[in-house]
C-alpha atoms as a PDB file:
ATOM      1  CA  MET A   1      43.929 -12.924 -51.500  1.00  0.00           C
ATOM      2  CA  MET A   2      45.822 -11.902 -54.540  1.00  0.00           C
ATOM      3  CA  LYS A   3      48.838 -13.578 -53.804  1.00  0.00           C
ATOM      4  CA  LYS A   4      46.311 -16.637 -52.801  1.00  0.00           C
ATOM      5  CA  ILE A   5      45.050 -16.464 -56.529  1.00  0.00           C
ATOM      6  CA  LEU A   6      48.391 -16.132 -58.485  1.00  0.00           C
ATOM      7  CA  LYS A   7      49.816 -19.327 -55.817  1.00  0.00           C
ATOM      8  CA  ARG A   8      46.405 -21.508 -57.407  1.00  0.00           C
ATOM      9  CA  LEU A   9      47.518 -20.488 -60.845  1.00  0.00           C
ATOM     10  CA  ALA A  10      51.343 -21.316 -60.184  1.00  0.00           C
ATOM     11  CA  GLU A  11      50.464 -24.573 -58.625  1.00  0.00           C
ATOM     12  CA  GLY A  12      48.357 -25.597 -61.653  1.00  0.00           C
ATOM     13  CA  GLU A  13      45.227 -25.462 -59.959  1.00  0.00           C
ATOM     14  CA  ILE A  14      43.028 -23.043 -61.945  1.00  0.00           C
ATOM     15  CA  SER A  15      43.734 -22.121 -65.548  1.00  0.00           C
ATOM     16  CA  ILE A  16      44.823 -18.521 -66.588  1.00  0.00           C
ATOM     17  CA  GLU A  17      41.016 -17.496 -67.435  1.00  0.00           C
ATOM     18  CA  GLU A  18      39.836 -18.540 -64.263  1.00  0.00           C
ATOM     19  CA  CYS A  19      42.604 -16.659 -62.525  1.00  0.00           C
ATOM     20  CA  GLU A  20      41.642 -13.742 -64.619  1.00  0.00           C
ATOM     21  CA  THR A  21      38.176 -14.031 -63.533  1.00  0.00           C
ATOM     22  CA  LEU A  22      38.855 -14.628 -59.855  1.00  0.00           C
ATOM     23  CA  LEU A  23      41.353 -11.126 -59.968  1.00  0.00           C
ATOM     24  CA  ARG A  24      38.530  -9.317 -61.416  1.00  0.00           C
ATOM     25  CA  ALA A  25      35.988 -10.177 -58.596  1.00  0.00           C
ATOM     26  CA  GLU A  26      38.330  -9.389 -56.325  1.00  0.00           C
ATOM     27  CA  ASN A  27      38.881  -5.696 -57.182  1.00  0.00           C
ATOM     28  CA  ILE A  28      35.538  -5.128 -55.829  1.00  0.00           C
ATOM     29  CA  ARG A  29      35.057  -6.743 -52.537  1.00  0.00           C
ATOM     30  CA  GLN A  30      31.599  -6.633 -51.008  1.00  0.00           C
ATOM     31  CA  LEU A  31      31.907  -6.623 -46.991  1.00  0.00           C
ATOM     32  CA  ASP A  32      28.457  -8.131 -45.630  1.00  0.00           C
ATOM     33  CA  ASP A  33      26.359  -5.764 -47.624  1.00  0.00           C
ATOM     34  CA  ILE A  34      28.001  -2.868 -45.670  1.00  0.00           C
ATOM     35  CA  ALA A  35      30.287  -1.590 -48.836  1.00  0.00           C
ATOM     36  CA  ASN A  36      32.105  -2.375 -51.723  1.00  0.00           C
ATOM     37  CA  ILE A  37      36.061  -1.897 -51.484  1.00  0.00           C
ATOM     38  CA  ASP A  38      36.661  -0.723 -55.144  1.00  0.00           C
ATOM     39  CA  ILE A  39      40.714  -1.976 -54.566  1.00  0.00           C
ATOM     40  CA  SER A  40      41.341  -0.807 -58.466  1.00  0.00           C
ATOM     41  CA  ARG A  41      40.194   2.853 -58.190  1.00  0.00           C
ATOM     42  CA  LYS A  42      43.950   4.132 -58.803  1.00  0.00           C
ATOM     43  CA  ASP A  43      44.423   1.950 -61.719  1.00  0.00           C
ATOM     44  CA  ARG A  44      41.876   3.755 -63.390  1.00  0.00           C
ATOM     45  CA  THR A  45      41.519   6.852 -61.786  1.00  0.00           C
ATOM     46  CA  GLY A  46      45.199   7.353 -60.925  1.00  0.00           C
ATOM     47  CA  PHE A  47      44.081   7.853 -57.291  1.00  0.00           C
ATOM     48  CA  PRO A  48      43.294   5.378 -54.737  1.00  0.00           C
ATOM     49  CA  GLU A  49      40.238   4.872 -53.149  1.00  0.00           C
ATOM     50  CA  ALA A  50      39.538   7.031 -49.762  1.00  0.00           C
ATOM     51  CA  ILE A  51      37.179   6.164 -46.785  1.00  0.00           C
ATOM     52  CA  LEU A  52      34.913   8.725 -45.527  1.00  0.00           C
ATOM     53  CA  ALA A  53      34.465   8.462 -41.911  1.00  0.00           C
ATOM     54  CA  ASP A  54      31.569  11.312 -41.669  1.00  0.00           C
ATOM     55  CA  SER A  55      28.184   9.673 -41.418  1.00  0.00           C
ATOM     56  CA  LYS A  56      29.454   6.057 -41.019  1.00  0.00           C
ATOM     57  CA  ASP A  57      28.477   3.823 -37.980  1.00  0.00           C
ATOM     58  CA  TYR A  58      31.840   2.840 -35.870  1.00  0.00           C
ATOM     59  CA  GLU A  59      31.670  -0.737 -36.491  1.00  0.00           C
ATOM     60  CA  ASP A  60      30.940   0.080 -40.154  1.00  0.00           C
ATOM     61  CA  LEU A  61      33.965   1.738 -40.617  1.00  0.00           C
ATOM     62  CA  LEU A  62      36.091  -0.359 -38.772  1.00  0.00           C
ATOM     63  CA  ALA A  63      34.740  -3.376 -40.997  1.00  0.00           C
ATOM     64  CA  ILE A  64      35.575  -1.544 -44.001  1.00  0.00           C
ATOM     65  CA  VAL A  65      39.115  -0.945 -43.015  1.00  0.00           C
ATOM     66  CA  LYS A  66      39.566  -4.289 -41.991  1.00  0.00           C
ATOM     67  CA  GLY A  67      38.701  -5.348 -45.087  1.00  0.00           C
ATOM     68  CA  PHE A  68      41.378  -4.107 -47.268  1.00  0.00           C
ATOM     69  CA  PHE A  69      43.883  -6.548 -45.152  1.00  0.00           C
ATOM     70  CA  ASP A  70      44.200 -10.203 -46.001  1.00  0.00           C
ATOM     71  CA  ASP A  71      45.717 -13.300 -43.926  1.00  0.00           C
ATOM     72  CA  GLU A  72      49.269 -11.909 -44.960  1.00  0.00           C
ATOM     73  CA  PHE A  73      48.556  -8.430 -44.084  1.00  0.00           C
ATOM     74  CA  ASP A  74      49.049  -7.107 -47.945  1.00  0.00           C
ATOM     75  CA  LEU A  75      48.283  -3.615 -48.835  1.00  0.00           C
ATOM     76  CA  LYS A  76      48.469  -2.513 -52.301  1.00  0.00           C
ATOM     77  CA  ASP A  77      48.045   1.542 -51.693  1.00  0.00           C
ATOM     78  CA  ASN A  78      47.681   3.422 -48.947  1.00  0.00           C
ATOM     79  CA  ILE A  79      44.474   3.381 -47.123  1.00  0.00           C
ATOM     80  CA  ILE A  80      42.558   7.061 -46.602  1.00  0.00           C
ATOM     81  CA  ILE A  81      40.190   7.756 -44.235  1.00  0.00           C
ATOM     82  CA  THR A  82      38.966  11.288 -44.777  1.00  0.00           C
ATOM     83  CA  ARG A  83      36.724  13.753 -41.916  1.00  0.00           C
ATOM     84  CA  LEU A  84      37.916  11.436 -39.127  1.00  0.00           C
ATOM     85  CA  SER A  85      37.572  12.738 -35.542  1.00  0.00           C
ATOM     86  CA  LYS A  86      40.151  12.620 -33.407  1.00  0.00           C
ATOM     87  CA  GLU A  87      37.943  10.732 -31.007  1.00  0.00           C
ATOM     88  CA  ARG A  88      37.065   7.772 -34.038  1.00  0.00           C
ATOM     89  CA  TYR A  89      40.905   7.956 -34.770  1.00  0.00           C
ATOM     90  CA  GLY A  90      41.344   7.083 -30.882  1.00  0.00           C
ATOM     91  CA  LEU A  91      39.082   4.015 -31.259  1.00  0.00           C
ATOM     92  CA  LEU A  92      40.872   2.363 -34.404  1.00  0.00           C
ATOM     93  CA  SER A  93      44.101   3.156 -33.357  1.00  0.00           C
ATOM     94  CA  GLN A  94      43.026   0.962 -30.302  1.00  0.00           C
ATOM     95  CA  ASP A  95      41.071  -1.702 -32.199  1.00  0.00           C
ATOM     96  CA  LEU A  96      43.558  -1.642 -35.442  1.00  0.00           C
ATOM     97  CA  SER A  97      46.617  -2.046 -32.979  1.00  0.00           C
ATOM     98  CA  TYR A  98      47.067  -5.664 -34.621  1.00  0.00           C
ATOM     99  CA  LEU A  99      48.591  -4.415 -37.794  1.00  0.00           C
ATOM    100  CA  LEU A 100      51.283  -2.169 -36.412  1.00  0.00           C
ATOM    101  CA  ASP A 101      52.811  -5.535 -35.085  1.00  0.00           C
ATOM    102  CA  ASN A 102      52.674  -6.626 -38.739  1.00  0.00           C
ATOM    103  CA  GLY A 103      54.545  -3.482 -40.234  1.00  0.00           C
ATOM    104  CA  ILE A 104      51.420  -1.160 -40.827  1.00  0.00           C
ATOM    105  CA  LYS A 105      52.030   2.179 -39.847  1.00  0.00           C
ATOM    106  CA  PHE A 106      49.582   5.007 -39.083  1.00  0.00           C
ATOM    107  CA  ASP A 107      50.070   8.590 -40.153  1.00  0.00           C
ATOM    108  CA  TYR A 108      46.990  10.645 -38.554  1.00  0.00           C
ATOM    109  CA  ASN A 109      46.784  15.035 -39.294  1.00  0.00           C
ATOM    110  CA  PRO A 110      44.581  16.395 -36.856  1.00  0.00           C
ATOM    111  CA  ARG A 111      44.041  19.798 -39.136  1.00  0.00           C
ATOM    112  CA  ALA A 112      43.006  17.877 -42.219  1.00  0.00           C
ATOM    113  CA  ARG A 113      41.082  14.886 -39.940  1.00  0.00           C
ATOM    114  CA  ILE A 114      42.919  12.603 -42.247  1.00  0.00           C
ATOM    115  CA  LEU A 115      44.170   9.279 -41.478  1.00  0.00           C
ATOM    116  CA  VAL A 116      46.895   7.389 -44.112  1.00  0.00           C
ATOM    117  CA  ILE A 117      47.564   3.696 -43.092  1.00  0.00           C
ATOM    118  CA  TYR A 118      50.595   2.989 -44.846  1.00  0.00           C
ATOM    119  CA  LYS A 119      52.932  -0.193 -45.056  1.00  0.00           C
ATOM    120  CA  ASP A 120      56.482   1.265 -47.110  1.00  0.00           C
ATOM    121  CA  LYS A 121      56.092   4.663 -47.864  1.00  0.00           C
ATOM    122  CA  LEU A 122      53.697   7.714 -46.534  1.00  0.00           C
ATOM    123  CA  VAL A 123      54.459   9.673 -49.614  1.00  0.00           C
ATOM    124  CA  ASP A 124      56.291   8.996 -52.867  1.00  0.00           C
ATOM    125  CA  PHE A 125      56.591  11.883 -54.904  1.00  0.00           C
ATOM    126  CA  ASN A 126      56.911  11.334 -58.800  1.00  0.00           C
ATOM    127  CA  PRO A 127      59.050  14.060 -59.999  1.00  0.00           C
ATOM    128  CA  GLU A 128      57.578  14.395 -63.567  1.00  0.00           C
ATOM    129  CA  TYR A 129      54.357  15.650 -61.826  1.00  0.00           C
ATOM    130  CA  GLY A 130      55.820  18.821 -60.393  1.00  0.00           C
ATOM    131  CA  LYS A 131      54.288  21.154 -58.101  1.00  0.00           C
ATOM    132  CA  ILE A 132      51.009  22.464 -56.588  1.00  0.00           C
ATOM    133  CA  GLY A 133      50.689  25.416 -54.679  1.00  0.00           C
ATOM    134  CA  ILE A 134      48.252  25.894 -51.961  1.00  0.00           C
ATOM    135  CA  LEU A 135      46.986  28.839 -50.184  1.00  0.00           C
ATOM    136  CA  THR A 136      44.474  30.273 -47.619  1.00  0.00           C
ATOM    137  CA  ALA A 137      43.116  33.322 -47.500  1.00  0.00           C
ATOM    138  CA  GLY A 138      43.027  32.856 -42.908  1.00  0.00           C
ATOM    139  CA  THR A 139      44.306  30.991 -40.437  1.00  0.00           C
ATOM    140  CA  SER A 140      40.476  29.372 -40.154  1.00  0.00           C
ATOM    141  CA  ASP A 141      41.315  27.810 -43.456  1.00  0.00           C
ATOM    142  CA  ILE A 142      43.771  25.681 -43.018  1.00  0.00           C
ATOM    143  CA  PRO A 143      42.110  22.842 -41.803  1.00  0.00           C
ATOM    144  CA  ILE A 144      40.709  22.384 -45.380  1.00  0.00           C
ATOM    145  CA  ALA A 145      43.654  23.460 -46.859  1.00  0.00           C
ATOM    146  CA  GLU A 146      45.241  20.534 -44.819  1.00  0.00           C
ATOM    147  CA  GLU A 147      43.114  18.269 -46.295  1.00  0.00           C
ATOM    148  CA  ALA A 148      43.489  19.433 -50.149  1.00  0.00           C
ATOM    149  CA  LYS A 149      47.556  18.829 -49.178  1.00  0.00           C
ATOM    150  CA  VAL A 150      47.430  15.283 -47.842  1.00  0.00           C
ATOM    151  CA  ILE A 151      45.838  14.244 -50.954  1.00  0.00           C
ATOM    152  CA  VAL A 152      47.840  15.671 -53.467  1.00  0.00           C
ATOM    153  CA  GLU A 153      51.055  14.380 -51.484  1.00  0.00           C
ATOM    154  CA  GLN A 154      49.630  10.788 -51.391  1.00  0.00           C
ATOM    155  CA  GLY A 155      48.695  11.417 -55.387  1.00  0.00           C
ATOM    156  CA  GLY A 156      52.431  11.859 -55.715  1.00  0.00           C
ATOM    157  CA  CYS A 157      53.084  15.230 -56.013  1.00  0.00           C
ATOM    158  CA  GLU A 158      55.252  18.029 -54.091  1.00  0.00           C
ATOM    159  CA  VAL A 159      53.027  21.126 -52.261  1.00  0.00           C
ATOM    160  CA  LEU A 160      54.362  24.788 -51.814  1.00  0.00           C
ATOM    161  CA  SER A 161      52.032  25.882 -48.964  1.00  0.00           C
ATOM    162  CA  SER A 162      51.623  29.349 -47.441  1.00  0.00           C
ATOM    163  CA  TYR A 163      48.589  30.272 -45.477  1.00  0.00           C
ATOM    164  CA  ASP A 164      47.142  33.586 -43.882  1.00  0.00           C
ATOM    165  CA  ILE A 165      47.609  35.915 -47.086  1.00  0.00           C
ATOM    166  CA  GLY A 166      44.566  36.885 -47.740  1.00  0.00           C
ATOM    167  CA  VAL A 167      43.129  40.207 -49.121  1.00  0.00           C
ATOM    168  CA  ALA A 168      42.787  41.767 -45.641  1.00  0.00           C
ATOM    169  CA  GLY A 169      46.759  42.544 -45.684  1.00  0.00           C
ATOM    170  CA  ILE A 170      47.344  41.632 -49.410  1.00  0.00           C
ATOM    171  CA  HIS A 171      50.714  42.761 -48.915  1.00  0.00           C
ATOM    172  CA  ARG A 172      51.795  39.326 -47.944  1.00  0.00           C
ATOM    173  CA  LEU A 173      50.256  37.536 -51.187  1.00  0.00           C
ATOM    174  CA  PHE A 174      53.109  38.748 -53.490  1.00  0.00           C
ATOM    175  CA  PRO A 175      55.935  37.430 -52.601  1.00  0.00           C
ATOM    176  CA  LYS A 176      54.386  34.027 -51.709  1.00  0.00           C
ATOM    177  CA  ILE A 177      52.928  33.863 -54.849  1.00  0.00           C
ATOM    178  CA  ALA A 178      56.145  35.267 -57.104  1.00  0.00           C
ATOM    179  CA  TYR A 179      58.166  32.143 -55.284  1.00  0.00           C
ATOM    180  CA  MET A 180      55.715  29.852 -56.149  1.00  0.00           C
ATOM    181  CA  VAL A 181      55.573  30.839 -59.651  1.00  0.00           C
ATOM    182  CA  GLU A 182      59.380  30.730 -59.671  1.00  0.00           C
ATOM    183  CA  GLU A 183      59.246  27.134 -58.747  1.00  0.00           C
ATOM    184  CA  ASP A 184      57.061  26.550 -61.835  1.00  0.00           C
ATOM    185  CA  VAL A 185      53.843  25.388 -60.027  1.00  0.00           C
ATOM    186  CA  SER A 186      51.370  23.499 -62.127  1.00  0.00           C
ATOM    187  CA  ALA A 187      48.362  24.693 -60.645  1.00  0.00           C
ATOM    188  CA  PHE A 188      46.910  26.750 -57.087  1.00  0.00           C
ATOM    189  CA  ILE A 189      44.554  25.170 -55.046  1.00  0.00           C
ATOM    190  CA  VAL A 190      42.770  28.917 -52.712  1.00  0.00           C
ATOM    191  CA  CYS A 191      41.263  28.320 -49.735  1.00  0.00           C
ATOM    192  CA  ALA A 192      38.832  31.128 -48.666  1.00  0.00           C
ATOM    193  CA  GLY A 193      35.927  31.819 -46.242  1.00  0.00           C
ATOM    194  CA  MET A 194      34.043  35.275 -45.616  1.00  0.00           C
ATOM    195  CA  GLU A 195      33.701  37.009 -48.958  1.00  0.00           C
ATOM    196  CA  GLY A 196      36.045  34.448 -50.658  1.00  0.00           C
ATOM    197  CA  ALA A 197      38.017  36.912 -52.621  1.00  0.00           C
ATOM    198  CA  LEU A 198      41.560  35.521 -52.512  1.00  0.00           C
ATOM    199  CA  PRO A 199      41.144  33.045 -55.742  1.00  0.00           C
ATOM    200  CA  SER A 200      39.603  35.818 -57.978  1.00  0.00           C
ATOM    201  CA  VAL A 201      42.875  37.567 -57.195  1.00  0.00           C
ATOM    202  CA  VAL A 202      45.210  34.769 -57.633  1.00  0.00           C
ATOM    203  CA  ALA A 203      43.676  33.861 -60.656  1.00  0.00           C
ATOM    204  CA  GLY A 204      44.192  37.566 -62.345  1.00  0.00           C
ATOM    205  CA  LEU A 205      48.070  37.305 -61.408  1.00  0.00           C
ATOM    206  CA  VAL A 206      48.875  33.701 -62.550  1.00  0.00           C
ATOM    207  CA  ASP A 207      48.800  31.875 -65.644  1.00  0.00           C
ATOM    208  CA  VAL A 208      48.015  28.231 -64.673  1.00  0.00           C
ATOM    209  CA  PRO A 209      44.579  26.441 -63.252  1.00  0.00           C
ATOM    210  CA  VAL A 210      43.523  28.170 -60.220  1.00  0.00           C
ATOM    211  CA  ILE A 211      41.047  25.669 -57.843  1.00  0.00           C
ATOM    212  CA  ALA A 212      39.061  27.863 -55.770  1.00  0.00           C
ATOM    213  CA  VAL A 213      37.831  26.284 -52.483  1.00  0.00           C
ATOM    214  CA  PRO A 214      35.226  28.352 -50.644  1.00  0.00           C
ATOM    215  CA  THR A 215      35.199  27.462 -46.640  1.00  0.00           C
ATOM    216  CA  SER A 216      32.750  27.488 -43.755  1.00  0.00           C
ATOM    217  CA  VAL A 217      34.496  30.312 -42.290  1.00  0.00           C
ATOM    218  CA  GLY A 218      31.674  33.615 -41.586  1.00  0.00           C
ATOM    219  CA  TYR A 219      29.278  34.878 -40.195  1.00  0.00           C
ATOM    220  CA  GLY A 220      25.801  36.842 -41.113  1.00  0.00           C
ATOM    221  CA  VAL A 221      25.328  36.499 -44.885  1.00  0.00           C
ATOM    222  CA  GLY A 222      28.714  34.936 -45.117  1.00  0.00           C
ATOM    223  CA  ALA A 223      27.347  32.167 -42.743  1.00  0.00           C
ATOM    224  CA  ASP A 224      28.246  28.231 -43.823  1.00  0.00           C
ATOM    225  CA  GLY A 225      30.689  29.628 -46.909  1.00  0.00           C
ATOM    226  CA  LYS A 226      27.706  30.457 -48.863  1.00  0.00           C
ATOM    227  CA  ALA A 227      28.478  33.952 -49.843  1.00  0.00           C
ATOM    228  CA  ALA A 228      32.515  32.836 -50.796  1.00  0.00           C
ATOM    229  CA  LEU A 229      30.852  30.132 -52.831  1.00  0.00           C
ATOM    230  CA  TYR A 230      28.821  32.910 -54.792  1.00  0.00           C
ATOM    231  CA  SER A 231      31.420  35.264 -55.303  1.00  0.00           C
ATOM    232  CA  MET A 232      33.286  32.575 -56.637  1.00  0.00           C
ATOM    233  CA  LEU A 233      30.861  31.339 -58.760  1.00  0.00           C
ATOM    234  CA  GLN A 234      30.621  34.350 -60.139  1.00  0.00           C
ATOM    235  CA  SER A 235      34.203  35.781 -60.703  1.00  0.00           C
ATOM    236  CA  CYS A 236      35.301  37.926 -63.424  1.00  0.00           C
ATOM    237  CA  ALA A 237      39.056  36.436 -63.307  1.00  0.00           C
ATOM    238  CA  PRO A 238      39.626  33.399 -66.125  1.00  0.00           C
ATOM    239  CA  GLY A 239      41.402  30.258 -65.461  1.00  0.00           C
ATOM    240  CA  LEU A 240      39.277  30.019 -62.058  1.00  0.00           C
ATOM    241  CA  SER A 241      37.523  26.518 -61.495  1.00  0.00           C
ATOM    242  CA  VAL A 242      35.202  26.141 -58.088  1.00  0.00           C
ATOM    243  CA  VAL A 243      34.597  23.060 -55.944  1.00  0.00           C
ATOM    244  CA  ASN A 244      32.043  22.481 -53.362  1.00  0.00           C
ATOM    245  CA  ILE A 245      32.231  24.539 -49.887  1.00  0.00           C
ATOM    246  CA  ASP A 246      34.788  22.610 -47.557  1.00  0.00           C
ATOM    247  CA  ASN A 247      35.928  20.335 -50.083  1.00  0.00           C
ATOM    248  CA  GLY A 248      39.842  20.103 -49.993  1.00  0.00           C
ATOM    249  CA  PHE A 249      39.576  16.613 -51.084  1.00  0.00           C
ATOM    250  CA  GLY A 250      37.677  17.171 -54.190  1.00  0.00           C
ATOM    251  CA  ALA A 251      40.189  20.312 -54.876  1.00  0.00           C
ATOM    252  CA  GLY A 252      43.077  18.342 -54.355  1.00  0.00           C
ATOM    253  CA  VAL A 253      41.804  15.159 -56.463  1.00  0.00           C
ATOM    254  CA  TYR A 254      41.413  17.628 -59.296  1.00  0.00           C
ATOM    255  CA  ALA A 255      45.103  19.347 -58.973  1.00  0.00           C
ATOM    256  CA  LEU A 256      46.666  15.868 -59.439  1.00  0.00           C
ATOM    257  CA  THR A 257      44.522  15.414 -62.417  1.00  0.00           C
ATOM    258  CA  ILE A 258      45.692  18.627 -64.221  1.00  0.00           C
ATOM    259  CA  VAL A 259      49.418  17.713 -63.338  1.00  0.00           C
ATOM    260  CA  LYS A 260      49.227  13.857 -64.010  1.00  0.00           C
ATOM    261  CA  ASN A 261      47.952  15.022 -67.820  1.00  0.00           C
ATOM    262  CA  ILE A 262      50.115  17.509 -68.090  1.00  0.00           C
ATOM    263  CA  ALA A 263      52.922  14.778 -67.053  1.00  0.00           C
ATOM    264  CA  LYS A 264      51.351  12.690 -69.596  1.00  0.00           C
ATOM    265  CA  LYS A 265      51.614  14.850 -72.455  1.00  0.00           C
ATOM    266  CA  VAL A 266      55.100  15.863 -71.746  1.00  0.00           C
ATOM    267  CA  LYS A 267      56.115  11.802 -71.927  1.00  0.00           C
ATOM    268  CA  MET A 268      53.849  11.601 -75.237  1.00  0.00           C
ATOM    269  CA  SER A 269      56.078  14.192 -76.912  1.00  0.00           C
ATOM    270  CA  LYS A 270      59.427  12.841 -76.042  1.00  0.00           C
ATOM    271  CA  GLU A 271      58.605   9.488 -77.362  1.00  0.00           C
END
């Protein structure tokens, strides 16, 4: 649609002012009262819009994804669909198979339950953003960590990850953190369930921001991640921020905000 508007301007069909109005209107597309696609979110926030698949009717989800494409199959930014089950991915891959014939590609991470639809590059790292470290206490926390990892990478930042290094075998933790500190990571994302102790330990060892992600791993008083959340919220370790239970997406976006602001300040200092 954007190319069509610019073509009309080039051919003299509309004025510059009319073109500007149409482009602004195009920034948010309405889909039959189902959803508003915010295609300029990346310009405002530094990260493209993501579609949450959970709780959406499948036909609505399909219509939203199709709404990103015009007749020329242009794709301004990668499309990110979160919390997408394997079953729904199977349906989408069938119903959107025509996109594959037009240069569009799918990358589905079954652990993270994230589908990235892209045209040119799956990831495009910006060296100015540095690196983010992602840790998990246990193997059960990996799906949430993987969600955060995909989001960070889609934001253009490299990830160093190490899983299953929780306090139950704390000797495993120190060499991994030492390596990431040597690699000069700008922030850590730490995912933990049960009592949620790992983020506090990490925050007590490093001098960069630590983002704690409580996971819904546990039983009894620790069921549904609430014990981990409460533990992280009342941590005595300084420099610890906490997102909601299982919110790997939010942790990833927050980490990106940190690294992008660091990069911006470094750039300004050099100018």
